[in-house]
Structures are given as C-alpha cells and as structure tokens.
Amino acid sequence: SMNFGGVLRCFVCGNVLKNAGPRNIFAATQSALRNISFGPQYTSEQQDQVLRILNHSSEKELQKLSIGASSILRILHHREENGGFESIDHVLSIRGFQEKGLKKICEAVLYGKKPQVKRPDRTSIVPALSQERIQEVAKVLAVDVSPPYITWAHLTRDKQILSWERTKFLDEKSRHHLHSYYSAVQEVLPSLPAADLYVVEQRPTRQKQSSESLHLRTQLAIQAMLVALLSHGKEHQPQVVSIKSAAVTQLFQLNAGNKRKPGQETLNGLFESGAFAIEKGLRTSYLQESSVNREHLCNVLLLAHAFYLLVES
C-alpha cells in the first residue's frame, strides 16, 4: 500500500483502505489480486455477455441461473446503488461473492450449465426406515398441525386418496396450557384414519416475532403429543416419521428465491396427469374450500406423495 497525502491506498486497485492495519492491508491486497486474476479466464465477448445478464436481468431471470437468493439480493442492491458492473472482476468486489460462485454463473450464462442439484432421497426421512419397514407400508397418513386446525391426507401406495380433511380441534379461547392441548389431542386422535405410517413435515425453525413464537410452541407441543400417542404400544416402529421441508420443496420445484411458493398449481398438474385416484366428491369438496384451506390440504397430500417418491428413489 502507499500513502498519498495521509490517505492509505491499495497499490493494486487504488481503493482507500479504512482502519489500515497490517492485517487489513494484506486482506485488501489479496482481494485485489484475486480480482485481477479472474477475468482472463473468458474472452472479452464472453465477459460482455455475462455482464449484460448481471446488469439487466430481473430477479426472476437471475433465479433461473441457480444463483443463490442472498447473491441475487447483493447483485440487485449493487446495481441500484452503483448502476451496474463495469467488469467481471468488479462483480467480485461485492462482499460475500466468491470466485467459485461467479464461475458457476459464468458457466450457466455461456454454456447453459446449471449446478447439479442432488435429488432428495430417503435420507430426508427421519428416523431412517429399514427396507423391511418400508415394505410393510401400504397406507400413510400425512398430518399437519396448524393450531387451531389439523389437516391430513390418507394415501395408499398406489396413490389412491382415501381421506382428505381439515378440521378445527382446538378452542382458541382456551388457555395456552399443556393440559388443554393434551385434552384436544386425545379428542381428535380417534378421528384420524388408521395408517401403517404417519408422516409430518420437519420445517426449519427461525427466530419469530412473539405472536408467531407462541403459535410455533403450541404447534410443536401438540405435534410431540401426537407422535407419542400414535407411537405408544405399537409393535412396528417407528410409527411416525418426519420429512425435511427442503426435500418436499425440491421434489415439487416449489422454490421461489428463499421462500416456498404455494403448491396448488403443482397439485392441479398432478391431478390432470392422473397421478392420484380420487373420488369426484372429494375433489369437489377440495375445490370448494377457501384458498387458505386448499393450501393446507394441498401441502399434506404433497407430503404423503413425497414419502412414496423418497422411499422408491
């Protein structure tokens, strides 16, 4: 680095160095050297092609290149603040943007190569099931607990929908207490159809606002009670398994950035393709539900379907 008029600048890139201690100077120099080493991997025409995509593509278009949600936000923010990228090396100046990630983007733009995404398999099911236990399963019941409602889909191995319901089981006015939850679970339990295996979705838990936190605690408490009561005294174990939410999202291509999009359109496509055997009355009842209820019903049916797809993979 060099000092011009009391200002420290990196001798490679000319950037002003803030808090210029030896460690920061070294890091800045290494970063600059990394930047100038990347561009020559591609011709000037190829670099221009990549820059056009990064400077002018919409968020949705960038998602098609399998760029991570956080990287897309950084690209869009940089464009808004600085008016775009002047060079390929300029992209690497974004904090958190690695050379490996940029190379994947370049390959996707230039050659249509998308990163190989591993298809979910039975390792997404927890706890693991032995082959013998899998062969015993002819009917599954996928269950979703979203207080004060419980939703389920009863699906056979040959994809016949036996039962598909959403019902209110918890009194919203009752106190949030383990005993009231337990009473509600005991009351609703007999209405759940018998199945060879029960399936719930394992969703990621994030820091929530206080109101959402209460809902989540209620949901987890009730779900734990259901697991215990459904499992107790049964010969074949496990009776209840969970499937990672990410596996369901990936199987049915429900990714929308860092969020999960509604699955009703996907489910309609499965119905149209004849993926399920369903009585006309059951399908009509589903279509007459509110959009919110349809989404919950959709989620449990996709969850049940996901189980069979995963164990057969």
C-alpha atoms as a PDB file:
ATOM      1  CA  SER A   1       0.000   0.000   0.000  1.00  0.00           C
ATOM      2  CA  MET A   2       1.027   3.625  -0.477  1.00  0.00           C
ATOM      3  CA  ASN A   3       0.294   6.784   1.447  1.00  0.00           C
ATOM      4  CA  PHE A   4      -0.826   9.795  -0.639  1.00  0.00           C
ATOM      5  CA  GLY A   5      -1.436  12.912   1.435  1.00  0.00           C
ATOM      6  CA  GLY A   6      -2.243  10.944   4.587  1.00  0.00           C
ATOM      7  CA  VAL A   7      -4.638   8.550   2.764  1.00  0.00           C
ATOM      8  CA  LEU A   8      -3.677   4.892   2.505  1.00  0.00           C
ATOM      9  CA  ARG A   9      -4.481   3.292  -0.847  1.00  0.00           C
ATOM     10  CA  CYS A  10      -4.001  -0.265  -2.072  1.00  0.00           C
ATOM     11  CA  PHE A  11      -1.177  -0.314  -4.659  1.00  0.00           C
ATOM     12  CA  VAL A  12      -3.079  -2.944  -6.740  1.00  0.00           C
ATOM     13  CA  CYS A  13      -6.580  -1.492  -7.015  1.00  0.00           C
ATOM     14  CA  GLY A  14      -6.212   2.070  -5.734  1.00  0.00           C
ATOM     15  CA  ASN A  15      -9.016   1.666  -3.162  1.00  0.00           C
ATOM     16  CA  VAL A  16      -8.870   3.748   0.020  1.00  0.00           C
ATOM     17  CA  LEU A  17      -8.075   1.494   2.989  1.00  0.00           C
ATOM     18  CA  LYS A  18     -10.070   2.172   6.138  1.00  0.00           C
ATOM     19  CA  ASN A  19      -8.709   1.026   9.508  1.00  0.00           C
ATOM     20  CA  ALA A  20      -5.449   0.354   7.712  1.00  0.00           C
ATOM     21  CA  GLY A  21      -3.600  -2.070   9.962  1.00  0.00           C
ATOM     22  CA  PRO A  22      -1.217  -4.709   8.566  1.00  0.00           C
ATOM     23  CA  ARG A  23      -3.938  -7.386   8.516  1.00  0.00           C
ATOM     24  CA  ASN A  24      -6.427  -5.178   6.642  1.00  0.00           C
ATOM     25  CA  ILE A  25      -3.785  -4.069   4.135  1.00  0.00           C
ATOM     26  CA  PHE A  26      -2.872  -7.713   3.441  1.00  0.00           C
ATOM     27  CA  ALA A  27      -6.540  -8.734   3.046  1.00  0.00           C
ATOM     28  CA  ALA A  28      -7.273  -5.850   0.685  1.00  0.00           C
ATOM     29  CA  THR A  29      -4.217  -6.634  -1.420  1.00  0.00           C
ATOM     30  CA  GLN A  30      -5.118 -10.320  -1.628  1.00  0.00           C
ATOM     31  CA  SER A  31      -8.692  -9.416  -2.618  1.00  0.00           C
ATOM     32  CA  ALA A  32      -7.464  -7.097  -5.350  1.00  0.00           C
ATOM     33  CA  LEU A  33      -5.028  -9.705  -6.675  1.00  0.00           C
ATOM     34  CA  ARG A  34      -7.855 -12.239  -6.750  1.00  0.00           C
ATOM     35  CA  ASN A  35     -10.000  -9.777  -8.708  1.00  0.00           C
ATOM     36  CA  ILE A  36      -7.480  -9.151 -11.462  1.00  0.00           C
ATOM     37  CA  SER A  37      -6.804 -12.891 -11.867  1.00  0.00           C
ATOM     38  CA  PHE A  38     -10.373 -13.905 -12.752  1.00  0.00           C
ATOM     39  CA  GLY A  39     -11.184 -12.018 -15.953  1.00  0.00           C
ATOM     40  CA  PRO A  40      -8.639 -13.647 -18.320  1.00  0.00           C
ATOM     41  CA  GLN A  41     -10.474 -17.000 -17.983  1.00  0.00           C
ATOM     42  CA  TYR A  42     -13.007 -15.677 -20.517  1.00  0.00           C
ATOM     43  CA  THR A  43     -12.765 -13.716 -23.772  1.00  0.00           C
ATOM     44  CA  SER A  44     -13.889 -10.086 -23.815  1.00  0.00           C
ATOM     45  CA  GLU A  45     -17.028 -11.100 -25.772  1.00  0.00           C
ATOM     46  CA  GLN A  46     -17.888 -13.728 -23.153  1.00  0.00           C
ATOM     47  CA  GLN A  47     -17.313 -11.259 -20.326  1.00  0.00           C
ATOM     48  CA  ASP A  48     -19.609  -8.743 -22.051  1.00  0.00           C
ATOM     49  CA  GLN A  49     -22.295 -11.430 -22.361  1.00  0.00           C
ATOM     50  CA  VAL A  50     -22.117 -12.228 -18.632  1.00  0.00           C
ATOM     51  CA  LEU A  51     -22.152  -8.535 -17.705  1.00  0.00           C
ATOM     52  CA  ARG A  52     -25.268  -7.911 -19.833  1.00  0.00           C
ATOM     53  CA  ILE A  53     -27.077 -10.654 -17.915  1.00  0.00           C
ATOM     54  CA  LEU A  54     -25.941  -9.439 -14.490  1.00  0.00           C
ATOM     55  CA  ASN A  55     -26.647  -5.779 -15.279  1.00  0.00           C
ATOM     56  CA  HIS A  56     -30.054  -6.122 -16.939  1.00  0.00           C
ATOM     57  CA  SER A  57     -31.755  -9.362 -15.809  1.00  0.00           C
ATOM     58  CA  SER A  58     -34.740  -9.302 -13.462  1.00  0.00           C
ATOM     59  CA  GLU A  59     -34.749 -11.153 -10.146  1.00  0.00           C
ATOM     60  CA  LYS A  60     -36.771 -13.996 -11.695  1.00  0.00           C
ATOM     61  CA  GLU A  61     -34.352 -14.299 -14.627  1.00  0.00           C
ATOM     62  CA  LEU A  62     -31.382 -14.459 -12.246  1.00  0.00           C
ATOM     63  CA  GLN A  63     -33.103 -17.240 -10.274  1.00  0.00           C
ATOM     64  CA  LYS A  64     -33.141 -19.378 -13.438  1.00  0.00           C
ATOM     65  CA  LEU A  65     -29.339 -19.347 -13.358  1.00  0.00           C
ATOM     66  CA  SER A  66     -29.475 -21.053  -9.941  1.00  0.00           C
ATOM     67  CA  ILE A  67     -27.940 -18.018  -8.274  1.00  0.00           C
ATOM     68  CA  GLY A  68     -28.495 -18.111  -4.509  1.00  0.00           C
ATOM     69  CA  ALA A  69     -31.113 -15.779  -3.058  1.00  0.00           C
ATOM     70  CA  SER A  70     -28.568 -13.817  -0.991  1.00  0.00           C
ATOM     71  CA  SER A  71     -26.299 -13.348  -4.035  1.00  0.00           C
ATOM     72  CA  ILE A  72     -29.234 -12.091  -6.112  1.00  0.00           C
ATOM     73  CA  LEU A  73     -30.049  -9.526  -3.435  1.00  0.00           C
ATOM     74  CA  ARG A  74     -26.414  -8.376  -3.402  1.00  0.00           C
ATOM     75  CA  ILE A  75     -26.377  -8.050  -7.210  1.00  0.00           C
ATOM     76  CA  LEU A  76     -29.643  -6.081  -7.280  1.00  0.00           C
ATOM     77  CA  HIS A  77     -28.523  -3.848  -4.398  1.00  0.00           C
ATOM     78  CA  HIS A  78     -25.201  -3.141  -6.108  1.00  0.00           C
ATOM     79  CA  ARG A  79     -26.980  -2.268  -9.363  1.00  0.00           C
ATOM     80  CA  GLU A  80     -29.329   0.086  -7.543  1.00  0.00           C
ATOM     81  CA  GLU A  81     -26.506   1.803  -5.666  1.00  0.00           C
ATOM     82  CA  ASN A  82     -23.823   1.863  -8.365  1.00  0.00           C
ATOM     83  CA  GLY A  83     -25.600   1.484 -11.695  1.00  0.00           C
ATOM     84  CA  GLY A  84     -24.219  -1.913 -12.678  1.00  0.00           C
ATOM     85  CA  PHE A  85     -20.928  -3.738 -13.115  1.00  0.00           C
ATOM     86  CA  GLU A  86     -18.129  -2.431 -15.301  1.00  0.00           C
ATOM     87  CA  SER A  87     -16.160  -5.685 -15.476  1.00  0.00           C
ATOM     88  CA  ILE A  88     -16.241  -9.330 -14.405  1.00  0.00           C
ATOM     89  CA  ASP A  89     -13.669  -8.555 -11.718  1.00  0.00           C
ATOM     90  CA  HIS A  90     -15.962  -5.793 -10.475  1.00  0.00           C
ATOM     91  CA  VAL A  91     -18.530  -8.474  -9.515  1.00  0.00           C
ATOM     92  CA  LEU A  92     -16.026  -9.998  -7.092  1.00  0.00           C
ATOM     93  CA  SER A  93     -15.840  -6.706  -5.209  1.00  0.00           C
ATOM     94  CA  ILE A  94     -19.268  -7.472  -3.711  1.00  0.00           C
ATOM     95  CA  ARG A  95     -18.871  -8.597  -0.119  1.00  0.00           C
ATOM     96  CA  GLY A  96     -19.536 -12.320   0.212  1.00  0.00           C
ATOM     97  CA  PHE A  97     -19.256 -13.047  -3.521  1.00  0.00           C
ATOM     98  CA  GLN A  98     -16.750 -15.847  -4.107  1.00  0.00           C
ATOM     99  CA  GLU A  99     -14.828 -16.712  -7.276  1.00  0.00           C
ATOM    100  CA  LYS A 100     -16.296 -20.225  -7.269  1.00  0.00           C
ATOM    101  CA  GLY A 101     -19.846 -18.839  -7.285  1.00  0.00           C
ATOM    102  CA  LEU A 102     -19.057 -16.367 -10.063  1.00  0.00           C
ATOM    103  CA  LYS A 103     -17.575 -19.148 -12.187  1.00  0.00           C
ATOM    104  CA  LYS A 104     -20.822 -21.148 -11.864  1.00  0.00           C
ATOM    105  CA  ILE A 105     -22.794 -18.112 -13.016  1.00  0.00           C
ATOM    106  CA  CYS A 106     -20.472 -17.589 -15.995  1.00  0.00           C
ATOM    107  CA  GLU A 107     -20.787 -21.258 -16.989  1.00  0.00           C
ATOM    108  CA  ALA A 108     -24.597 -21.081 -16.734  1.00  0.00           C
ATOM    109  CA  VAL A 109     -24.770 -17.915 -18.879  1.00  0.00           C
ATOM    110  CA  LEU A 110     -22.254 -19.022 -21.515  1.00  0.00           C
ATOM    111  CA  TYR A 111     -22.865 -22.749 -21.802  1.00  0.00           C
ATOM    112  CA  GLY A 112     -26.242 -23.338 -20.188  1.00  0.00           C
ATOM    113  CA  LYS A 113     -24.592 -25.381 -17.453  1.00  0.00           C
ATOM    114  CA  LYS A 114     -26.553 -25.327 -14.232  1.00  0.00           C
ATOM    115  CA  PRO A 115     -25.132 -26.657 -10.973  1.00  0.00           C
ATOM    116  CA  GLN A 116     -26.007 -30.300 -10.423  1.00  0.00           C
ATOM    117  CA  VAL A 117     -28.623 -30.407  -7.679  1.00  0.00           C
ATOM    118  CA  LYS A 118     -28.797 -33.677  -5.811  1.00  0.00           C
ATOM    119  CA  ARG A 119     -32.320 -35.083  -5.889  1.00  0.00           C
ATOM    120  CA  PRO A 120     -33.735 -35.708  -2.408  1.00  0.00           C
ATOM    121  CA  ASP A 121     -33.720 -39.360  -1.352  1.00  0.00           C
ATOM    122  CA  ARG A 122     -34.836 -41.417   1.627  1.00  0.00           C
ATOM    123  CA  THR A 123     -32.165 -39.809   3.831  1.00  0.00           C
ATOM    124  CA  SER A 124     -34.627 -36.881   4.027  1.00  0.00           C
ATOM    125  CA  ILE A 125     -36.861 -39.133   6.162  1.00  0.00           C
ATOM    126  CA  VAL A 126     -36.194 -39.083   9.924  1.00  0.00           C
ATOM    127  CA  PRO A 127     -35.760 -41.511  11.596  1.00  0.00           C
ATOM    128  CA  ALA A 128     -34.356 -43.801   8.905  1.00  0.00           C
ATOM    129  CA  LEU A 129     -36.580 -46.706   7.855  1.00  0.00           C
ATOM    130  CA  SER A 130     -35.354 -50.230   7.204  1.00  0.00           C
ATOM    131  CA  GLN A 131     -36.288 -51.813   3.871  1.00  0.00           C
ATOM    132  CA  GLU A 132     -38.455 -54.274   5.785  1.00  0.00           C
ATOM    133  CA  ARG A 133     -40.365 -51.434   7.485  1.00  0.00           C
ATOM    134  CA  ILE A 134     -40.837 -49.650   4.144  1.00  0.00           C
ATOM    135  CA  GLN A 135     -42.308 -52.802   2.590  1.00  0.00           C
ATOM    136  CA  GLU A 136     -44.865 -53.006   5.410  1.00  0.00           C
ATOM    137  CA  VAL A 137     -46.270 -49.587   4.491  1.00  0.00           C
ATOM    138  CA  ALA A 138     -49.364 -49.782   2.290  1.00  0.00           C
ATOM    139  CA  LYS A 139     -51.084 -46.630   3.598  1.00  0.00           C
ATOM    140  CA  VAL A 140     -49.644 -43.414   5.025  1.00  0.00           C
ATOM    141  CA  LEU A 141     -51.366 -40.556   6.797  1.00  0.00           C
ATOM    142  CA  ALA A 142     -49.670 -37.187   6.302  1.00  0.00           C
ATOM    143  CA  VAL A 143     -50.597 -34.829   9.140  1.00  0.00           C
ATOM    144  CA  ASP A 144     -50.190 -31.067   9.507  1.00  0.00           C
ATOM    145  CA  VAL A 145     -50.809 -29.333  12.835  1.00  0.00           C
ATOM    146  CA  SER A 146     -51.543 -25.615  12.427  1.00  0.00           C
ATOM    147  CA  PRO A 147     -53.455 -24.649  15.577  1.00  0.00           C
ATOM    148  CA  PRO A 148     -56.377 -24.465  15.892  1.00  0.00           C
ATOM    149  CA  TYR A 149     -56.616 -26.771  12.844  1.00  0.00           C
ATOM    150  CA  ILE A 150     -55.341 -30.216  11.982  1.00  0.00           C
ATOM    151  CA  THR A 151     -55.156 -31.374   8.361  1.00  0.00           C
ATOM    152  CA  TRP A 152     -54.496 -34.829   6.969  1.00  0.00           C
ATOM    153  CA  ALA A 153     -54.287 -36.847   3.752  1.00  0.00           C
ATOM    154  CA  HIS A 154     -54.667 -40.634   3.748  1.00  0.00           C
ATOM    155  CA  LEU A 155     -52.859 -42.086   0.727  1.00  0.00           C
ATOM    156  CA  THR A 156     -52.207 -45.657  -0.424  1.00  0.00           C
ATOM    157  CA  ARG A 157     -49.029 -46.834  -2.114  1.00  0.00           C
ATOM    158  CA  ASP A 158     -50.852 -46.904  -5.469  1.00  0.00           C
ATOM    159  CA  LYS A 159     -51.828 -43.224  -4.896  1.00  0.00           C
ATOM    160  CA  GLN A 160     -55.493 -43.655  -4.029  1.00  0.00           C
ATOM    161  CA  ILE A 161     -56.717 -40.849  -1.758  1.00  0.00           C
ATOM    162  CA  LEU A 162     -58.812 -42.492   0.970  1.00  0.00           C
ATOM    163  CA  SER A 163     -59.395 -39.453   3.172  1.00  0.00           C
ATOM    164  CA  TRP A 164     -58.513 -35.757   2.896  1.00  0.00           C
ATOM    165  CA  GLU A 165     -59.688 -33.418   5.644  1.00  0.00           C
ATOM    166  CA  ARG A 166     -59.054 -30.238   7.601  1.00  0.00           C
ATOM    167  CA  THR A 167     -60.806 -29.746  10.912  1.00  0.00           C
ATOM    168  CA  LYS A 168     -60.718 -27.387  13.882  1.00  0.00           C
ATOM    169  CA  PHE A 169     -59.748 -29.274  17.026  1.00  0.00           C
ATOM    170  CA  LEU A 170     -58.520 -26.608  19.463  1.00  0.00           C
ATOM    171  CA  ASP A 171     -60.629 -23.994  21.216  1.00  0.00           C
ATOM    172  CA  GLU A 172     -58.931 -20.664  20.526  1.00  0.00           C
ATOM    173  CA  LYS A 173     -60.421 -19.199  23.709  1.00  0.00           C
ATOM    174  CA  SER A 174     -58.947 -21.881  25.960  1.00  0.00           C
ATOM    175  CA  ARG A 175     -55.776 -21.100  27.881  1.00  0.00           C
ATOM    176  CA  HIS A 176     -52.456 -21.996  26.306  1.00  0.00           C
ATOM    177  CA  HIS A 177     -51.675 -24.840  28.629  1.00  0.00           C
ATOM    178  CA  LEU A 178     -50.236 -28.328  28.094  1.00  0.00           C
ATOM    179  CA  HIS A 179     -53.286 -29.919  29.725  1.00  0.00           C
ATOM    180  CA  SER A 180     -55.709 -28.204  27.338  1.00  0.00           C
ATOM    181  CA  TYR A 181     -53.522 -29.247  24.391  1.00  0.00           C
ATOM    182  CA  TYR A 182     -53.444 -32.828  25.631  1.00  0.00           C
ATOM    183  CA  SER A 183     -57.236 -32.949  26.016  1.00  0.00           C
ATOM    184  CA  ALA A 184     -57.692 -31.590  22.487  1.00  0.00           C
ATOM    185  CA  VAL A 185     -55.252 -34.134  21.044  1.00  0.00           C
ATOM    186  CA  GLN A 186     -56.994 -37.009  22.837  1.00  0.00           C
ATOM    187  CA  GLU A 187     -60.330 -35.865  21.406  1.00  0.00           C
ATOM    188  CA  VAL A 188     -59.123 -35.563  17.803  1.00  0.00           C
ATOM    189  CA  LEU A 189     -56.984 -38.721  17.803  1.00  0.00           C
ATOM    190  CA  PRO A 190     -59.869 -41.202  17.221  1.00  0.00           C
ATOM    191  CA  SER A 191     -60.928 -39.274  14.101  1.00  0.00           C
ATOM    192  CA  LEU A 192     -57.534 -39.815  12.427  1.00  0.00           C
ATOM    193  CA  PRO A 193     -57.692 -42.735   9.966  1.00  0.00           C
ATOM    194  CA  ALA A 194     -55.519 -45.727  10.849  1.00  0.00           C
ATOM    195  CA  ALA A 195     -52.363 -45.987   8.752  1.00  0.00           C
ATOM    196  CA  ASP A 196     -49.212 -48.073   8.556  1.00  0.00           C
ATOM    197  CA  LEU A 197     -47.122 -44.941   8.987  1.00  0.00           C
ATOM    198  CA  TYR A 198     -47.753 -41.314   9.945  1.00  0.00           C
ATOM    199  CA  VAL A 199     -45.813 -38.528   8.250  1.00  0.00           C
ATOM    200  CA  VAL A 200     -45.201 -34.948   9.398  1.00  0.00           C
ATOM    201  CA  GLU A 201     -43.125 -32.199   7.795  1.00  0.00           C
ATOM    202  CA  GLN A 202     -39.956 -31.044   9.536  1.00  0.00           C
ATOM    203  CA  ARG A 203     -39.872 -27.300   8.963  1.00  0.00           C
ATOM    204  CA  PRO A 204     -36.859 -25.112   9.712  1.00  0.00           C
ATOM    205  CA  THR A 205     -37.273 -23.015  12.851  1.00  0.00           C
ATOM    206  CA  ARG A 206     -36.208 -19.371  12.730  1.00  0.00           C
ATOM    207  CA  GLN A 207     -36.394 -16.536  15.216  1.00  0.00           C
ATOM    208  CA  LYS A 208     -40.023 -15.428  15.201  1.00  0.00           C
ATOM    209  CA  GLN A 209     -41.973 -12.475  16.492  1.00  0.00           C
ATOM    210  CA  SER A 210     -43.668 -13.079  19.842  1.00  0.00           C
ATOM    211  CA  SER A 211     -47.095 -13.916  18.334  1.00  0.00           C
ATOM    212  CA  GLU A 212     -45.540 -16.340  15.847  1.00  0.00           C
ATOM    213  CA  SER A 213     -43.358 -17.796  18.593  1.00  0.00           C
ATOM    214  CA  LEU A 214     -46.434 -18.713  20.665  1.00  0.00           C
ATOM    215  CA  HIS A 215     -48.045 -20.353  17.627  1.00  0.00           C
ATOM    216  CA  LEU A 216     -44.849 -22.324  16.957  1.00  0.00           C
ATOM    217  CA  ARG A 217     -44.554 -23.509  20.575  1.00  0.00           C
ATOM    218  CA  THR A 218     -48.193 -24.631  20.514  1.00  0.00           C
ATOM    219  CA  GLN A 219     -47.650 -26.414  17.209  1.00  0.00           C
ATOM    220  CA  LEU A 220     -44.532 -28.242  18.424  1.00  0.00           C
ATOM    221  CA  ALA A 221     -46.135 -29.257  21.731  1.00  0.00           C
ATOM    222  CA  ILE A 222     -49.217 -30.699  20.023  1.00  0.00           C
ATOM    223  CA  GLN A 223     -47.146 -32.421  17.366  1.00  0.00           C
ATOM    224  CA  ALA A 224     -44.961 -34.036  20.055  1.00  0.00           C
ATOM    225  CA  MET A 225     -48.085 -35.306  21.852  1.00  0.00           C
ATOM    226  CA  LEU A 226     -49.433 -36.766  18.609  1.00  0.00           C
ATOM    227  CA  VAL A 227     -46.149 -38.544  17.922  1.00  0.00           C
ATOM    228  CA  ALA A 228     -46.113 -40.020  21.436  1.00  0.00           C
ATOM    229  CA  LEU A 229     -49.745 -41.171  21.376  1.00  0.00           C
ATOM    230  CA  LEU A 230     -49.579 -42.584  17.849  1.00  0.00           C
ATOM    231  CA  SER A 231     -46.375 -44.485  18.658  1.00  0.00           C
ATOM    232  CA  HIS A 232     -47.191 -45.835  22.127  1.00  0.00           C
ATOM    233  CA  GLY A 233     -47.685 -49.579  22.372  1.00  0.00           C
ATOM    234  CA  LYS A 234     -47.393 -50.253  18.619  1.00  0.00           C
ATOM    235  CA  GLU A 235     -45.431 -53.315  17.505  1.00  0.00           C
ATOM    236  CA  HIS A 236     -43.892 -51.829  14.361  1.00  0.00           C
ATOM    237  CA  GLN A 237     -41.620 -48.838  14.930  1.00  0.00           C
ATOM    238  CA  PRO A 238     -41.191 -46.097  14.026  1.00  0.00           C
ATOM    239  CA  GLN A 239     -44.878 -45.221  13.676  1.00  0.00           C
ATOM    240  CA  VAL A 240     -44.209 -41.560  12.888  1.00  0.00           C
ATOM    241  CA  VAL A 241     -41.542 -40.102  10.611  1.00  0.00           C
ATOM    242  CA  SER A 242     -40.749 -36.564   9.534  1.00  0.00           C
ATOM    243  CA  ILE A 243     -39.660 -35.397   6.095  1.00  0.00           C
ATOM    244  CA  LYS A 244     -37.406 -32.374   5.735  1.00  0.00           C
ATOM    245  CA  SER A 245     -39.268 -29.392   4.332  1.00  0.00           C
ATOM    246  CA  ALA A 246     -36.449 -28.716   1.848  1.00  0.00           C
ATOM    247  CA  ALA A 247     -36.940 -32.174   0.316  1.00  0.00           C
ATOM    248  CA  VAL A 248     -40.648 -31.539  -0.337  1.00  0.00           C
ATOM    249  CA  THR A 249     -39.866 -28.109  -1.783  1.00  0.00           C
ATOM    250  CA  GLN A 250     -37.222 -29.553  -4.097  1.00  0.00           C
ATOM    251  CA  LEU A 251     -39.236 -32.595  -5.202  1.00  0.00           C
ATOM    252  CA  PHE A 252     -42.119 -30.444  -6.420  1.00  0.00           C
ATOM    253  CA  GLN A 253     -39.985 -27.460  -7.524  1.00  0.00           C
ATOM    254  CA  LEU A 254     -41.645 -25.020  -5.132  1.00  0.00           C
ATOM    255  CA  ASN A 255     -38.565 -22.797  -4.726  1.00  0.00           C
ATOM    256  CA  ALA A 256     -39.135 -19.070  -5.135  1.00  0.00           C
ATOM    257  CA  GLY A 257     -35.907 -17.399  -4.061  1.00  0.00           C
ATOM    258  CA  ASN A 258     -35.567 -18.066  -0.346  1.00  0.00           C
ATOM    259  CA  LYS A 259     -39.296 -18.732   0.044  1.00  0.00           C
ATOM    260  CA  ARG A 260     -41.639 -21.588  -0.799  1.00  0.00           C
ATOM    261  CA  LYS A 261     -44.381 -20.839  -3.286  1.00  0.00           C
ATOM    262  CA  PRO A 262     -47.939 -22.242  -2.982  1.00  0.00           C
ATOM    263  CA  GLY A 263     -48.315 -25.799  -4.250  1.00  0.00           C
ATOM    264  CA  GLN A 264     -51.885 -25.700  -5.591  1.00  0.00           C
ATOM    265  CA  GLU A 265     -50.817 -25.241  -9.211  1.00  0.00           C
ATOM    266  CA  THR A 266     -48.421 -28.192  -8.893  1.00  0.00           C
ATOM    267  CA  LEU A 267     -51.143 -30.333  -7.336  1.00  0.00           C
ATOM    268  CA  ASN A 268     -53.603 -29.428 -10.104  1.00  0.00           C
ATOM    269  CA  GLY A 269     -50.999 -30.597 -12.622  1.00  0.00           C
ATOM    270  CA  LEU A 270     -50.672 -33.909 -10.766  1.00  0.00           C
ATOM    271  CA  PHE A 271     -54.449 -34.345 -10.811  1.00  0.00           C
ATOM    272  CA  GLU A 272     -54.591 -33.605 -14.535  1.00  0.00           C
ATOM    273  CA  SER A 273     -51.830 -36.141 -15.231  1.00  0.00           C
ATOM    274  CA  GLY A 274     -53.716 -38.843 -13.327  1.00  0.00           C
ATOM    275  CA  ALA A 275     -51.118 -39.148 -10.561  1.00  0.00           C
ATOM    276  CA  PHE A 276     -53.868 -39.744  -7.965  1.00  0.00           C
ATOM    277  CA  ALA A 277     -57.060 -41.777  -7.821  1.00  0.00           C
ATOM    278  CA  ILE A 278     -59.661 -39.589  -6.113  1.00  0.00           C
ATOM    279  CA  GLU A 279     -63.432 -39.722  -5.774  1.00  0.00           C
ATOM    280  CA  LYS A 280     -65.227 -36.909  -7.569  1.00  0.00           C
ATOM    281  CA  GLY A 281     -66.933 -35.756  -4.355  1.00  0.00           C
ATOM    282  CA  LEU A 282     -63.600 -35.458  -2.534  1.00  0.00           C
ATOM    283  CA  ARG A 283     -62.102 -33.397  -5.367  1.00  0.00           C
ATOM    284  CA  THR A 284     -65.199 -31.165  -5.467  1.00  0.00           C
ATOM    285  CA  SER A 285     -65.026 -30.595  -1.700  1.00  0.00           C
ATOM    286  CA  TYR A 286     -61.386 -29.551  -2.050  1.00  0.00           C
ATOM    287  CA  LEU A 287     -62.178 -27.054  -4.816  1.00  0.00           C
ATOM    288  CA  GLN A 288     -64.969 -25.508  -2.725  1.00  0.00           C
ATOM    289  CA  GLU A 289     -62.643 -24.757   0.199  1.00  0.00           C
ATOM    290  CA  SER A 290     -61.118 -21.317   0.791  1.00  0.00           C
ATOM    291  CA  SER A 291     -57.702 -20.646  -0.720  1.00  0.00           C
ATOM    292  CA  VAL A 292     -56.049 -20.936   2.724  1.00  0.00           C
ATOM    293  CA  ASN A 293     -57.692 -24.288   3.439  1.00  0.00           C
ATOM    294  CA  ARG A 294     -56.859 -25.566  -0.050  1.00  0.00           C
ATOM    295  CA  GLU A 295     -53.199 -24.744   0.523  1.00  0.00           C
ATOM    296  CA  HIS A 296     -53.100 -26.721   3.788  1.00  0.00           C
ATOM    297  CA  LEU A 297     -54.885 -29.657   2.141  1.00  0.00           C
ATOM    298  CA  CYS A 298     -52.519 -29.406  -0.803  1.00  0.00           C
ATOM    299  CA  ASN A 299     -49.475 -29.472   1.499  1.00  0.00           C
ATOM    300  CA  VAL A 300     -50.441 -32.698   3.285  1.00  0.00           C
ATOM    301  CA  LEU A 301     -51.237 -34.507   0.032  1.00  0.00           C
ATOM    302  CA  LEU A 302     -47.903 -33.456  -1.468  1.00  0.00           C
ATOM    303  CA  LEU A 303     -46.231 -34.587   1.781  1.00  0.00           C
ATOM    304  CA  ALA A 304     -47.829 -38.047   1.548  1.00  0.00           C
ATOM    305  CA  HIS A 305     -46.885 -38.262  -2.139  1.00  0.00           C
ATOM    306  CA  ALA A 306     -43.318 -37.162  -1.281  1.00  0.00           C
ATOM    307  CA  PHE A 307     -42.955 -40.075   1.143  1.00  0.00           C
ATOM    308  CA  TYR A 308     -43.590 -42.642  -1.579  1.00  0.00           C
ATOM    309  CA  LEU A 309     -41.323 -40.823  -4.038  1.00  0.00           C
ATOM    310  CA  LEU A 310     -38.493 -40.776  -1.484  1.00  0.00           C
ATOM    311  CA  VAL A 311     -38.701 -44.440  -0.426  1.00  0.00           C
ATOM    312  CA  GLU A 312     -38.864 -45.523  -4.064  1.00  0.00           C
ATOM    313  CA  SER A 313     -35.806 -43.435  -5.039  1.00  0.00           C
END
